[in-house]
Amino acid sequence: MVARIITGAHYGLKDWLVQRITALVMAVYVLLFAGTVLVCSPASFVEWQALFAPQWMRLASLLFFLSLFWHAWIGMRDILMDYIKPTALRLGLQVVVILLLVAYAAWAIQILWSN
């Protein structure tokens, strides 16, 4: 019998699937947004504000940003796990990335629902 040594986190299929789903959500939003901008062609701040006034547009934008941040987290986590070998430094950088992504998510919510 061969003893297998397993190292690392082994997120595997779940993260692969999340990357693909979040990429699909972002691609659909970009097409929706581009189509909306082409049809409405907002030129002033008031027109841009009116573009994001409907609740469905705000929710679609929020879904886009949450997908973007989740996608970015998985990518950054994998990069840090692959290239930063000292554990304390890697964990510190992961905490910084998490805090930044949470702050960006809060900022996106504030922007989307501000008047």
PDB file of N, CA and C in Angstrom:
ATOM      1  N   MET A   1       0.837  -1.172   0.000  1.00  0.00           N
ATOM      2  CA  MET A   1       0.000   0.000   0.000  1.00  0.00           C
ATOM      3  C   MET A   1       0.889   1.246   0.000  1.00  0.00           C
ATOM      4  N   VAL A   2       0.533   2.223  -0.826  1.00  0.00           N
ATOM      5  CA  VAL A   2       1.289   3.466  -0.931  1.00  0.00           C
ATOM      6  C   VAL A   2       0.609   4.515  -0.062  1.00  0.00           C
ATOM      7  N   ALA A   3       1.374   5.107   0.824  1.00  0.00           N
ATOM      8  CA  ALA A   3       0.827   6.162   1.681  1.00  0.00           C
ATOM      9  C   ALA A   3       0.869   7.482   0.921  1.00  0.00           C
ATOM     10  N   ARG A   4      -0.270   8.097   0.790  1.00  0.00           N
ATOM     11  CA  ARG A   4      -0.367   9.386   0.102  1.00  0.00           C
ATOM     12  C   ARG A   4      -0.217  10.514   1.093  1.00  0.00           C
ATOM     13  N   ILE A   5       0.635  11.452   0.785  1.00  0.00           N
ATOM     14  CA  ILE A   5       0.794  12.619   1.632  1.00  0.00           C
ATOM     15  C   ILE A   5      -0.002  13.751   0.991  1.00  0.00           C
ATOM     16  N   ILE A   6      -0.960  14.258   1.747  1.00  0.00           N
ATOM     17  CA  ILE A   6      -1.803  15.328   1.234  1.00  0.00           C
ATOM     18  C   ILE A   6      -1.398  16.629   1.910  1.00  0.00           C
ATOM     19  N   THR A   7      -1.065  17.598   1.099  1.00  0.00           N
ATOM     20  CA  THR A   7      -0.697  18.910   1.628  1.00  0.00           C
ATOM     21  C   THR A   7      -1.533  19.984   0.949  1.00  0.00           C
ATOM     22  N   GLY A   8      -1.670  21.108   1.588  1.00  0.00           N
ATOM     23  CA  GLY A   8      -2.412  22.219   0.989  1.00  0.00           C
ATOM     24  C   GLY A   8      -3.884  22.173   1.341  1.00  0.00           C
ATOM     25  N   ALA A   9      -4.613  23.133   0.811  1.00  0.00           N
ATOM     26  CA  ALA A   9      -6.014  23.290   1.172  1.00  0.00           C
ATOM     27  C   ALA A   9      -6.938  22.396   0.356  1.00  0.00           C
ATOM     28  N   HIS A  10      -6.626  22.149  -0.916  1.00  0.00           N
ATOM     29  CA  HIS A  10      -7.428  21.295  -1.793  1.00  0.00           C
ATOM     30  C   HIS A  10      -8.875  21.749  -1.895  1.00  0.00           C
ATOM     31  N   TYR A  11      -9.090  22.975  -2.324  1.00  0.00           N
ATOM     32  CA  TYR A  11     -10.445  23.475  -2.503  1.00  0.00           C
ATOM     33  C   TYR A  11     -11.075  22.867  -3.758  1.00  0.00           C
ATOM     34  N   GLY A  12     -10.289  22.720  -4.801  1.00  0.00           N
ATOM     35  CA  GLY A  12     -10.660  21.960  -5.967  1.00  0.00           C
ATOM     36  C   GLY A  12     -11.892  22.375  -6.731  1.00  0.00           C
ATOM     37  N   LEU A  13     -12.801  21.425  -6.885  1.00  0.00           N
ATOM     38  CA  LEU A  13     -13.961  21.576  -7.758  1.00  0.00           C
ATOM     39  C   LEU A  13     -14.846  22.745  -7.342  1.00  0.00           C
ATOM     40  N   LYS A  14     -15.052  22.925  -6.050  1.00  0.00           N
ATOM     41  CA  LYS A  14     -15.916  24.012  -5.577  1.00  0.00           C
ATOM     42  C   LYS A  14     -15.405  25.371  -6.058  1.00  0.00           C
ATOM     43  N   ASP A  15     -14.140  25.634  -5.869  1.00  0.00           N
ATOM     44  CA  ASP A  15     -13.583  26.917  -6.288  1.00  0.00           C
ATOM     45  C   ASP A  15     -13.542  27.056  -7.801  1.00  0.00           C
ATOM     46  N   TRP A  16     -13.262  25.971  -8.498  1.00  0.00           N
ATOM     47  CA  TRP A  16     -13.292  26.000  -9.960  1.00  0.00           C
ATOM     48  C   TRP A  16     -14.683  26.384 -10.433  1.00  0.00           C
ATOM     49  N   LEU A  17     -15.706  25.790  -9.829  1.00  0.00           N
ATOM     50  CA  LEU A  17     -17.088  26.079 -10.201  1.00  0.00           C
ATOM     51  C   LEU A  17     -17.474  27.509  -9.835  1.00  0.00           C
ATOM     52  N   VAL A  18     -17.063  27.976  -8.671  1.00  0.00           N
ATOM     53  CA  VAL A  18     -17.356  29.357  -8.259  1.00  0.00           C
ATOM     54  C   VAL A  18     -16.706  30.342  -9.222  1.00  0.00           C
ATOM     55  N   GLN A  19     -15.465  30.079  -9.631  1.00  0.00           N
ATOM     56  CA  GLN A  19     -14.792  30.960 -10.587  1.00  0.00           C
ATOM     57  C   GLN A  19     -15.580  31.054 -11.889  1.00  0.00           C
ATOM     58  N   ARG A  20     -16.071  29.905 -12.369  1.00  0.00           N
ATOM     59  CA  ARG A  20     -16.819  29.906 -13.637  1.00  0.00           C
ATOM     60  C   ARG A  20     -18.168  30.602 -13.495  1.00  0.00           C
ATOM     61  N   ILE A  21     -18.870  30.359 -12.388  1.00  0.00           N
ATOM     62  CA  ILE A  21     -20.189  30.972 -12.184  1.00  0.00           C
ATOM     63  C   ILE A  21     -20.062  32.479 -12.008  1.00  0.00           C
ATOM     64  N   THR A  22     -19.103  32.932 -11.207  1.00  0.00           N
ATOM     65  CA  THR A  22     -18.938  34.372 -11.014  1.00  0.00           C
ATOM     66  C   THR A  22     -18.514  35.043 -12.316  1.00  0.00           C
ATOM     67  N   ALA A  23     -17.688  34.372 -13.111  1.00  0.00           N
ATOM     68  CA  ALA A  23     -17.297  34.930 -14.416  1.00  0.00           C
ATOM     69  C   ALA A  23     -18.512  35.042 -15.329  1.00  0.00           C
ATOM     70  N   LEU A  24     -19.384  34.047 -15.293  1.00  0.00           N
ATOM     71  CA  LEU A  24     -20.605  34.087 -16.109  1.00  0.00           C
ATOM     72  C   LEU A  24     -21.526  35.222 -15.661  1.00  0.00           C
ATOM     73  N   VAL A  25     -21.698  35.381 -14.355  1.00  0.00           N
ATOM     74  CA  VAL A  25     -22.529  36.479 -13.826  1.00  0.00           C
ATOM     75  C   VAL A  25     -21.968  37.822 -14.280  1.00  0.00           C
ATOM     76  N   MET A  26     -20.652  37.981 -14.175  1.00  0.00           N
ATOM     77  CA  MET A  26     -20.040  39.247 -14.584  1.00  0.00           C
ATOM     78  C   MET A  26     -20.185  39.486 -16.082  1.00  0.00           C
ATOM     79  N   ALA A  27     -20.038  38.444 -16.896  1.00  0.00           N
ATOM     80  CA  ALA A  27     -20.171  38.593 -18.349  1.00  0.00           C
ATOM     81  C   ALA A  27     -21.600  38.984 -18.733  1.00  0.00           C
ATOM     82  N   VAL A  28     -22.586  38.354 -18.100  1.00  0.00           N
ATOM     83  CA  VAL A  28     -23.984  38.684 -18.387  1.00  0.00           C
ATOM     84  C   VAL A  28     -24.270  40.125 -17.990  1.00  0.00           C
ATOM     85  N   TYR A  29     -23.762  40.546 -16.830  1.00  0.00           N
ATOM     86  CA  TYR A  29     -23.980  41.927 -16.394  1.00  0.00           C
ATOM     87  C   TYR A  29     -23.338  42.916 -17.367  1.00  0.00           C
ATOM     88  N   VAL A  30     -22.126  42.636 -17.794  1.00  0.00           N
ATOM     89  CA  VAL A  30     -21.443  43.547 -18.718  1.00  0.00           C
ATOM     90  C   VAL A  30     -22.240  43.689 -20.014  1.00  0.00           C
ATOM     91  N   LEU A  31     -22.771  42.586 -20.529  1.00  0.00           N
ATOM     92  CA  LEU A  31     -23.599  42.660 -21.739  1.00  0.00           C
ATOM     93  C   LEU A  31     -24.881  43.458 -21.485  1.00  0.00           C
ATOM     94  N   LEU A  32     -25.531  43.204 -20.345  1.00  0.00           N
ATOM     95  CA  LEU A  32     -26.738  43.944 -19.968  1.00  0.00           C
ATOM     96  C   LEU A  32     -26.442  45.435 -19.821  1.00  0.00           C
ATOM     97  N   PHE A  33     -25.362  45.738 -19.127  1.00  0.00           N
ATOM     98  CA  PHE A  33     -24.991  47.125 -18.891  1.00  0.00           C
ATOM     99  C   PHE A  33     -24.622  47.832 -20.197  1.00  0.00           C
ATOM    100  N   ALA A  34     -23.842  47.166 -21.030  1.00  0.00           N
ATOM    101  CA  ALA A  34     -23.451  47.760 -22.311  1.00  0.00           C
ATOM    102  C   ALA A  34     -24.672  48.010 -23.184  1.00  0.00           C
ATOM    103  N   GLY A  35     -25.593  47.052 -23.218  1.00  0.00           N
ATOM    104  CA  GLY A  35     -26.822  47.243 -23.990  1.00  0.00           C
ATOM    105  C   GLY A  35     -27.651  48.401 -23.465  1.00  0.00           C
ATOM    106  N   THR A  36     -27.752  48.505 -22.147  1.00  0.00           N
ATOM    107  CA  THR A  36     -28.514  49.596 -21.533  1.00  0.00           C
ATOM    108  C   THR A  36     -27.878  50.940 -21.843  1.00  0.00           C
ATOM    109  N   VAL A  37     -26.562  51.010 -21.749  1.00  0.00           N
ATOM    110  CA  VAL A  37     -25.867  52.277 -22.033  1.00  0.00           C
ATOM    111  C   VAL A  37     -25.996  52.640 -23.515  1.00  0.00           C
ATOM    112  N   LEU A  38     -25.936  51.653 -24.388  1.00  0.00           N
ATOM    113  CA  LEU A  38     -26.090  51.943 -25.822  1.00  0.00           C
ATOM    114  C   LEU A  38     -27.497  52.446 -26.146  1.00  0.00           C
ATOM    115  N   VAL A  39     -28.497  51.882 -25.499  1.00  0.00           N
ATOM    116  CA  VAL A  39     -29.879  52.299 -25.750  1.00  0.00           C
ATOM    117  C   VAL A  39     -30.161  53.668 -25.137  1.00  0.00           C
ATOM    118  N   CYS A  40     -29.757  53.861 -23.889  1.00  0.00           N
ATOM    119  CA  CYS A  40     -30.067  55.109 -23.169  1.00  0.00           C
ATOM    120  C   CYS A  40     -29.070  56.222 -23.464  1.00  0.00           C
ATOM    121  N   SER A  41     -27.832  55.874 -23.757  1.00  0.00           N
ATOM    122  CA  SER A  41     -26.695  56.789 -23.918  1.00  0.00           C
ATOM    123  C   SER A  41     -26.743  58.007 -22.998  1.00  0.00           C
ATOM    124  N   PRO A  42     -26.528  57.755 -21.699  1.00  0.00           N
ATOM    125  CA  PRO A  42     -26.523  58.862 -20.745  1.00  0.00           C
ATOM    126  C   PRO A  42     -25.320  59.775 -20.968  1.00  0.00           C
ATOM    127  N   ALA A  43     -25.581  61.084 -20.949  1.00  0.00           N
ATOM    128  CA  ALA A  43     -24.513  62.053 -21.195  1.00  0.00           C
ATOM    129  C   ALA A  43     -24.205  62.898 -19.963  1.00  0.00           C
ATOM    130  N   SER A  44     -25.150  63.025 -19.064  1.00  0.00           N
ATOM    131  CA  SER A  44     -24.944  63.872 -17.888  1.00  0.00           C
ATOM    132  C   SER A  44     -25.026  63.027 -16.623  1.00  0.00           C
ATOM    133  N   PHE A  45     -24.628  63.637 -15.528  1.00  0.00           N
ATOM    134  CA  PHE A  45     -24.677  62.949 -14.235  1.00  0.00           C
ATOM    135  C   PHE A  45     -26.111  62.558 -13.883  1.00  0.00           C
ATOM    136  N   VAL A  46     -27.055  63.423 -14.165  1.00  0.00           N
ATOM    137  CA  VAL A  46     -28.465  63.158 -13.861  1.00  0.00           C
ATOM    138  C   VAL A  46     -28.964  61.938 -14.647  1.00  0.00           C
ATOM    139  N   GLU A  47     -28.544  61.828 -15.903  1.00  0.00           N
ATOM    140  CA  GLU A  47     -28.942  60.670 -16.709  1.00  0.00           C
ATOM    141  C   GLU A  47     -28.303  59.375 -16.196  1.00  0.00           C
ATOM    142  N   TRP A  48     -27.047  59.461 -15.765  1.00  0.00           N
ATOM    143  CA  TRP A  48     -26.397  58.284 -15.180  1.00  0.00           C
ATOM    144  C   TRP A  48     -27.087  57.897 -13.880  1.00  0.00           C
ATOM    145  N   GLN A  49     -27.460  58.894 -13.104  1.00  0.00           N
ATOM    146  CA  GLN A  49     -28.162  58.632 -11.851  1.00  0.00           C
ATOM    147  C   GLN A  49     -29.509  57.970 -12.127  1.00  0.00           C
ATOM    148  N   ALA A  50     -30.203  58.422 -13.163  1.00  0.00           N
ATOM    149  CA  ALA A  50     -31.488  57.829 -13.534  1.00  0.00           C
ATOM    150  C   ALA A  50     -31.315  56.392 -14.033  1.00  0.00           C
ATOM    151  N   LEU A  51     -30.181  56.108 -14.649  1.00  0.00           N
ATOM    152  CA  LEU A  51     -29.903  54.761 -15.129  1.00  0.00           C
ATOM    153  C   LEU A  51     -29.853  53.763 -13.972  1.00  0.00           C
ATOM    154  N   PHE A  52     -29.306  54.200 -12.839  1.00  0.00           N
ATOM    155  CA  PHE A  52     -29.181  53.322 -11.673  1.00  0.00           C
ATOM    156  C   PHE A  52     -30.315  53.498 -10.671  1.00  0.00           C
ATOM    157  N   ALA A  53     -31.332  54.257 -10.997  1.00  0.00           N
ATOM    158  CA  ALA A  53     -32.457  54.475 -10.087  1.00  0.00           C
ATOM    159  C   ALA A  53     -33.331  53.234  -9.897  1.00  0.00           C
ATOM    160  N   PRO A  54     -33.631  52.460 -10.943  1.00  0.00           N
ATOM    161  CA  PRO A  54     -34.481  51.276 -10.730  1.00  0.00           C
ATOM    162  C   PRO A  54     -33.812  50.250  -9.808  1.00  0.00           C
ATOM    163  N   GLN A  55     -34.635  49.650  -8.964  1.00  0.00           N
ATOM    164  CA  GLN A  55     -34.119  48.680  -7.993  1.00  0.00           C
ATOM    165  C   GLN A  55     -33.445  47.488  -8.685  1.00  0.00           C
ATOM    166  N   TRP A  56     -33.973  47.045  -9.826  1.00  0.00           N
ATOM    167  CA  TRP A  56     -33.389  45.887 -10.514  1.00  0.00           C
ATOM    168  C   TRP A  56     -31.965  46.191 -10.985  1.00  0.00           C
ATOM    169  N   MET A  57     -31.712  47.442 -11.390  1.00  0.00           N
ATOM    170  CA  MET A  57     -30.369  47.804 -11.853  1.00  0.00           C
ATOM    171  C   MET A  57     -29.395  47.852 -10.675  1.00  0.00           C
ATOM    172  N   ARG A  58     -29.869  48.351  -9.556  1.00  0.00           N
ATOM    173  CA  ARG A  58     -29.017  48.375  -8.359  1.00  0.00           C
ATOM    174  C   ARG A  58     -28.692  46.958  -7.899  1.00  0.00           C
ATOM    175  N   LEU A  59     -29.707  46.086  -7.898  1.00  0.00           N
ATOM    176  CA  LEU A  59     -29.482  44.702  -7.472  1.00  0.00           C
ATOM    177  C   LEU A  59     -28.569  43.964  -8.455  1.00  0.00           C
ATOM    178  N   ALA A  60     -28.759  44.200  -9.746  1.00  0.00           N
ATOM    179  CA  ALA A  60     -27.885  43.576 -10.748  1.00  0.00           C
ATOM    180  C   ALA A  60     -26.447  44.064 -10.567  1.00  0.00           C
ATOM    181  N   SER A  61     -26.284  45.354 -10.295  1.00  0.00           N
ATOM    182  CA  SER A  61     -24.942  45.901 -10.078  1.00  0.00           C
ATOM    183  C   SER A  61     -24.326  45.343  -8.805  1.00  0.00           C
ATOM    184  N   LEU A  62     -25.135  45.210  -7.759  1.00  0.00           N
ATOM    185  CA  LEU A  62     -24.630  44.626  -6.517  1.00  0.00           C
ATOM    186  C   LEU A  62     -24.210  43.178  -6.738  1.00  0.00           C
ATOM    187  N   LEU A  63     -25.007  42.416  -7.469  1.00  0.00           N
ATOM    188  CA  LEU A  63     -24.656  41.032  -7.780  1.00  0.00           C
ATOM    189  C   LEU A  63     -23.347  40.980  -8.573  1.00  0.00           C
ATOM    190  N   PHE A  64     -23.179  41.917  -9.507  1.00  0.00           N
ATOM    191  CA  PHE A  64     -21.927  41.998 -10.267  1.00  0.00           C
ATOM    192  C   PHE A  64     -20.748  42.232  -9.330  1.00  0.00           C
ATOM    193  N   PHE A  65     -20.877  43.222  -8.438  1.00  0.00           N
ATOM    194  CA  PHE A  65     -19.760  43.549  -7.545  1.00  0.00           C
ATOM    195  C   PHE A  65     -19.460  42.409  -6.572  1.00  0.00           C
ATOM    196  N   LEU A  66     -20.495  41.766  -6.026  1.00  0.00           N
ATOM    197  CA  LEU A  66     -20.248  40.646  -5.125  1.00  0.00           C
ATOM    198  C   LEU A  66     -19.584  39.493  -5.869  1.00  0.00           C
ATOM    199  N   SER A  67     -19.995  39.248  -7.097  1.00  0.00           N
ATOM    200  CA  SER A  67     -19.342  38.212  -7.914  1.00  0.00           C
ATOM    201  C   SER A  67     -17.889  38.585  -8.182  1.00  0.00           C
ATOM    202  N   LEU A  68     -17.652  39.855  -8.491  1.00  0.00           N
ATOM    203  CA  LEU A  68     -16.296  40.335  -8.743  1.00  0.00           C
ATOM    204  C   LEU A  68     -15.406  40.134  -7.518  1.00  0.00           C
ATOM    205  N   PHE A  69     -15.927  40.495  -6.338  1.00  0.00           N
ATOM    206  CA  PHE A  69     -15.119  40.382  -5.127  1.00  0.00           C
ATOM    207  C   PHE A  69     -14.874  38.926  -4.746  1.00  0.00           C
ATOM    208  N   TRP A  70     -15.845  38.055  -4.931  1.00  0.00           N
ATOM    209  CA  TRP A  70     -15.659  36.635  -4.633  1.00  0.00           C
ATOM    210  C   TRP A  70     -14.646  36.031  -5.608  1.00  0.00           C
ATOM    211  N   HIS A  71     -14.782  36.385  -6.881  1.00  0.00           N
ATOM    212  CA  HIS A  71     -13.863  35.937  -7.922  1.00  0.00           C
ATOM    213  C   HIS A  71     -12.436  36.406  -7.590  1.00  0.00           C
ATOM    214  N   ALA A  72     -12.317  37.660  -7.195  1.00  0.00           N
ATOM    215  CA  ALA A  72     -11.003  38.222  -6.853  1.00  0.00           C
ATOM    216  C   ALA A  72     -10.416  37.530  -5.628  1.00  0.00           C
ATOM    217  N   TRP A  73     -11.258  37.227  -4.624  1.00  0.00           N
ATOM    218  CA  TRP A  73     -10.765  36.566  -3.424  1.00  0.00           C
ATOM    219  C   TRP A  73     -10.161  35.201  -3.765  1.00  0.00           C
ATOM    220  N   ILE A  74     -10.863  34.410  -4.558  1.00  0.00           N
ATOM    221  CA  ILE A  74     -10.356  33.081  -4.902  1.00  0.00           C
ATOM    222  C   ILE A  74      -9.043  33.197  -5.673  1.00  0.00           C
ATOM    223  N   GLY A  75      -8.988  34.124  -6.604  1.00  0.00           N
ATOM    224  CA  GLY A  75      -7.755  34.320  -7.365  1.00  0.00           C
ATOM    225  C   GLY A  75      -6.597  34.783  -6.500  1.00  0.00           C
ATOM    226  N   MET A  76      -6.847  35.768  -5.653  1.00  0.00           N
ATOM    227  CA  MET A  76      -5.773  36.275  -4.786  1.00  0.00           C
ATOM    228  C   MET A  76      -5.329  35.229  -3.770  1.00  0.00           C
ATOM    229  N   ARG A  77      -6.285  34.498  -3.216  1.00  0.00           N
ATOM    230  CA  ARG A  77      -5.933  33.451  -2.254  1.00  0.00           C
ATOM    231  C   ARG A  77      -5.040  32.408  -2.909  1.00  0.00           C
ATOM    232  N   ASP A  78      -5.391  32.006  -4.122  1.00  0.00           N
ATOM    233  CA  ASP A  78      -4.576  31.005  -4.819  1.00  0.00           C
ATOM    234  C   ASP A  78      -3.187  31.539  -5.150  1.00  0.00           C
ATOM    235  N   ILE A  79      -3.102  32.798  -5.567  1.00  0.00           N
ATOM    236  CA  ILE A  79      -1.803  33.404  -5.863  1.00  0.00           C
ATOM    237  C   ILE A  79      -0.949  33.462  -4.603  1.00  0.00           C
ATOM    238  N   LEU A  80      -1.548  33.900  -3.504  1.00  0.00           N
ATOM    239  CA  LEU A  80      -0.801  33.998  -2.254  1.00  0.00           C
ATOM    240  C   LEU A  80      -0.363  32.616  -1.762  1.00  0.00           C
ATOM    241  N   MET A  81      -1.241  31.618  -1.896  1.00  0.00           N
ATOM    242  CA  MET A  81      -0.867  30.259  -1.463  1.00  0.00           C
ATOM    243  C   MET A  81       0.251  29.686  -2.327  1.00  0.00           C
ATOM    244  N   ASP A  82       0.268  30.040  -3.602  1.00  0.00           N
ATOM    245  CA  ASP A  82       1.293  29.494  -4.503  1.00  0.00           C
ATOM    246  C   ASP A  82       2.650  30.179  -4.354  1.00  0.00           C
ATOM    247  N   TYR A  83       2.651  31.483  -4.097  1.00  0.00           N
ATOM    248  CA  TYR A  83       3.906  32.231  -4.194  1.00  0.00           C
ATOM    249  C   TYR A  83       4.450  32.782  -2.887  1.00  0.00           C
ATOM    250  N   ILE A  84       3.640  32.870  -1.847  1.00  0.00           N
ATOM    251  CA  ILE A  84       4.126  33.377  -0.554  1.00  0.00           C
ATOM    252  C   ILE A  84       4.253  32.191   0.390  1.00  0.00           C
ATOM    253  N   LYS A  85       5.472  31.762   0.625  1.00  0.00           N
ATOM    254  CA  LYS A  85       5.699  30.540   1.400  1.00  0.00           C
ATOM    255  C   LYS A  85       5.668  30.751   2.915  1.00  0.00           C
ATOM    256  N   PRO A  86       6.227  31.851   3.465  1.00  0.00           N
ATOM    257  CA  PRO A  86       6.150  32.020   4.928  1.00  0.00           C
ATOM    258  C   PRO A  86       4.685  32.169   5.372  1.00  0.00           C
ATOM    259  N   THR A  87       4.259  31.283   6.257  1.00  0.00           N
ATOM    260  CA  THR A  87       2.849  31.206   6.645  1.00  0.00           C
ATOM    261  C   THR A  87       2.336  32.511   7.242  1.00  0.00           C
ATOM    262  N   ALA A  88       3.091  33.114   8.142  1.00  0.00           N
ATOM    263  CA  ALA A  88       2.626  34.346   8.799  1.00  0.00           C
ATOM    264  C   ALA A  88       2.431  35.468   7.788  1.00  0.00           C
ATOM    265  N   LEU A  89       3.361  35.606   6.864  1.00  0.00           N
ATOM    266  CA  LEU A  89       3.244  36.644   5.836  1.00  0.00           C
ATOM    267  C   LEU A  89       2.049  36.375   4.940  1.00  0.00           C
ATOM    268  N   ARG A  90       1.880  35.110   4.520  1.00  0.00           N
ATOM    269  CA  ARG A  90       0.766  34.743   3.652  1.00  0.00           C
ATOM    270  C   ARG A  90      -0.575  35.017   4.341  1.00  0.00           C
ATOM    271  N   LEU A  91      -0.700  34.618   5.598  1.00  0.00           N
ATOM    272  CA  LEU A  91      -1.953  34.856   6.319  1.00  0.00           C
ATOM    273  C   LEU A  91      -2.199  36.347   6.528  1.00  0.00           C
ATOM    274  N   GLY A  92      -1.148  37.093   6.804  1.00  0.00           N
ATOM    275  CA  GLY A  92      -1.291  38.543   6.947  1.00  0.00           C
ATOM    276  C   GLY A  92      -1.779  39.192   5.665  1.00  0.00           C
ATOM    277  N   LEU A  93      -1.199  38.776   4.540  1.00  0.00           N
ATOM    278  CA  LEU A  93      -1.632  39.316   3.254  1.00  0.00           C
ATOM    279  C   LEU A  93      -3.065  38.891   2.919  1.00  0.00           C
ATOM    280  N   GLN A  94      -3.443  37.674   3.281  1.00  0.00           N
ATOM    281  CA  GLN A  94      -4.812  37.230   3.053  1.00  0.00           C
ATOM    282  C   GLN A  94      -5.805  38.054   3.875  1.00  0.00           C
ATOM    283  N   VAL A  95      -5.443  38.376   5.100  1.00  0.00           N
ATOM    284  CA  VAL A  95      -6.304  39.222   5.941  1.00  0.00           C
ATOM    285  C   VAL A  95      -6.445  40.608   5.314  1.00  0.00           C
ATOM    286  N   VAL A  96      -5.351  41.157   4.805  1.00  0.00           N
ATOM    287  CA  VAL A  96      -5.404  42.465   4.145  1.00  0.00           C
ATOM    288  C   VAL A  96      -6.330  42.417   2.932  1.00  0.00           C
ATOM    289  N   VAL A  97      -6.213  41.367   2.131  1.00  0.00           N
ATOM    290  CA  VAL A  97      -7.068  41.229   0.946  1.00  0.00           C
ATOM    291  C   VAL A  97      -8.528  41.125   1.357  1.00  0.00           C
ATOM    292  N   ILE A  98      -8.822  40.320   2.380  1.00  0.00           N
ATOM    293  CA  ILE A  98     -10.206  40.175   2.855  1.00  0.00           C
ATOM    294  C   ILE A  98     -10.746  41.513   3.329  1.00  0.00           C
ATOM    295  N   LEU A  99      -9.972  42.235   4.125  1.00  0.00           N
ATOM    296  CA  LEU A  99     -10.437  43.533   4.637  1.00  0.00           C
ATOM    297  C   LEU A  99     -10.686  44.524   3.497  1.00  0.00           C
ATOM    298  N   LEU A 100      -9.801  44.533   2.510  1.00  0.00           N
ATOM    299  CA  LEU A 100      -9.996  45.422   1.361  1.00  0.00           C
ATOM    300  C   LEU A 100     -11.250  45.052   0.570  1.00  0.00           C
ATOM    301  N   LEU A 101     -11.462  43.767   0.338  1.00  0.00           N
ATOM    302  CA  LEU A 101     -12.633  43.352  -0.434  1.00  0.00           C
ATOM    303  C   LEU A 101     -13.930  43.641   0.320  1.00  0.00           C
ATOM    304  N   VAL A 102     -13.933  43.462   1.628  1.00  0.00           N
ATOM    305  CA  VAL A 102     -15.126  43.804   2.425  1.00  0.00           C
ATOM    306  C   VAL A 102     -15.356  45.312   2.387  1.00  0.00           C
ATOM    307  N   ALA A 103     -14.295  46.099   2.493  1.00  0.00           N
ATOM    308  CA  ALA A 103     -14.429  47.557   2.419  1.00  0.00           C
ATOM    309  C   ALA A 103     -14.948  47.990   1.052  1.00  0.00           C
ATOM    310  N   TYR A 104     -14.441  47.369  -0.012  1.00  0.00           N
ATOM    311  CA  TYR A 104     -14.921  47.697  -1.355  1.00  0.00           C
ATOM    312  C   TYR A 104     -16.392  47.314  -1.526  1.00  0.00           C
ATOM    313  N   ALA A 105     -16.795  46.190  -0.950  1.00  0.00           N
ATOM    314  CA  ALA A 105     -18.202  45.775  -1.030  1.00  0.00           C
ATOM    315  C   ALA A 105     -19.092  46.786  -0.303  1.00  0.00           C
ATOM    316  N   ALA A 106     -18.669  47.222   0.871  1.00  0.00           N
ATOM    317  CA  ALA A 106     -19.438  48.225   1.608  1.00  0.00           C
ATOM    318  C   ALA A 106     -19.501  49.532   0.823  1.00  0.00           C
ATOM    319  N   TRP A 107     -18.421  49.905   0.207  1.00  0.00           N
ATOM    320  CA  TRP A 107     -18.367  51.126  -0.595  1.00  0.00           C
ATOM    321  C   TRP A 107     -19.306  51.019  -1.796  1.00  0.00           C
ATOM    322  N   ALA A 108     -19.320  49.866  -2.449  1.00  0.00           N
ATOM    323  CA  ALA A 108     -20.216  49.655  -3.591  1.00  0.00           C
ATOM    324  C   ALA A 108     -21.673  49.774  -3.157  1.00  0.00           C
ATOM    325  N   ILE A 109     -22.012  49.192  -2.009  1.00  0.00           N
ATOM    326  CA  ILE A 109     -23.384  49.291  -1.489  1.00  0.00           C
ATOM    327  C   ILE A 109     -23.731  50.744  -1.199  1.00  0.00           C
ATOM    328  N   GLN A 110     -22.789  51.454  -0.585  1.00  0.00           N
ATOM    329  CA  GLN A 110     -23.042  52.869  -0.279  1.00  0.00           C
ATOM    330  C   GLN A 110     -23.266  53.670  -1.553  1.00  0.00           C
ATOM    331  N   ILE A 111     -22.482  53.433  -2.564  1.00  0.00           N
ATOM    332  CA  ILE A 111     -22.621  54.164  -3.829  1.00  0.00           C
ATOM    333  C   ILE A 111     -23.951  53.826  -4.506  1.00  0.00           C
ATOM    334  N   LEU A 112     -24.296  52.537  -4.547  1.00  0.00           N
ATOM    335  CA  LEU A 112     -25.508  52.116  -5.235  1.00  0.00           C
ATOM    336  C   LEU A 112     -26.782  52.626  -4.573  1.00  0.00           C
ATOM    337  N   TRP A 113     -26.782  52.744  -3.242  1.00  0.00           N
ATOM    338  CA  TRP A 113     -27.999  53.168  -2.549  1.00  0.00           C
ATOM    339  C   TRP A 113     -27.930  54.570  -1.966  1.00  0.00           C
ATOM    340  N   SER A 114     -26.970  55.360  -2.424  1.00  0.00           N
ATOM    341  CA  SER A 114     -26.955  56.768  -1.998  1.00  0.00           C
ATOM    342  C   SER A 114     -27.813  57.586  -2.964  1.00  0.00           C
ATOM    343  N   ASN A 115     -28.307  58.688  -2.495  1.00  0.00           N
ATOM    344  CA  ASN A 115     -29.172  59.519  -3.362  1.00  0.00           C
ATOM    345  C   ASN A 115     -28.394  60.517  -4.110  1.00  0.00           C
TER     346      ASN A 115
END
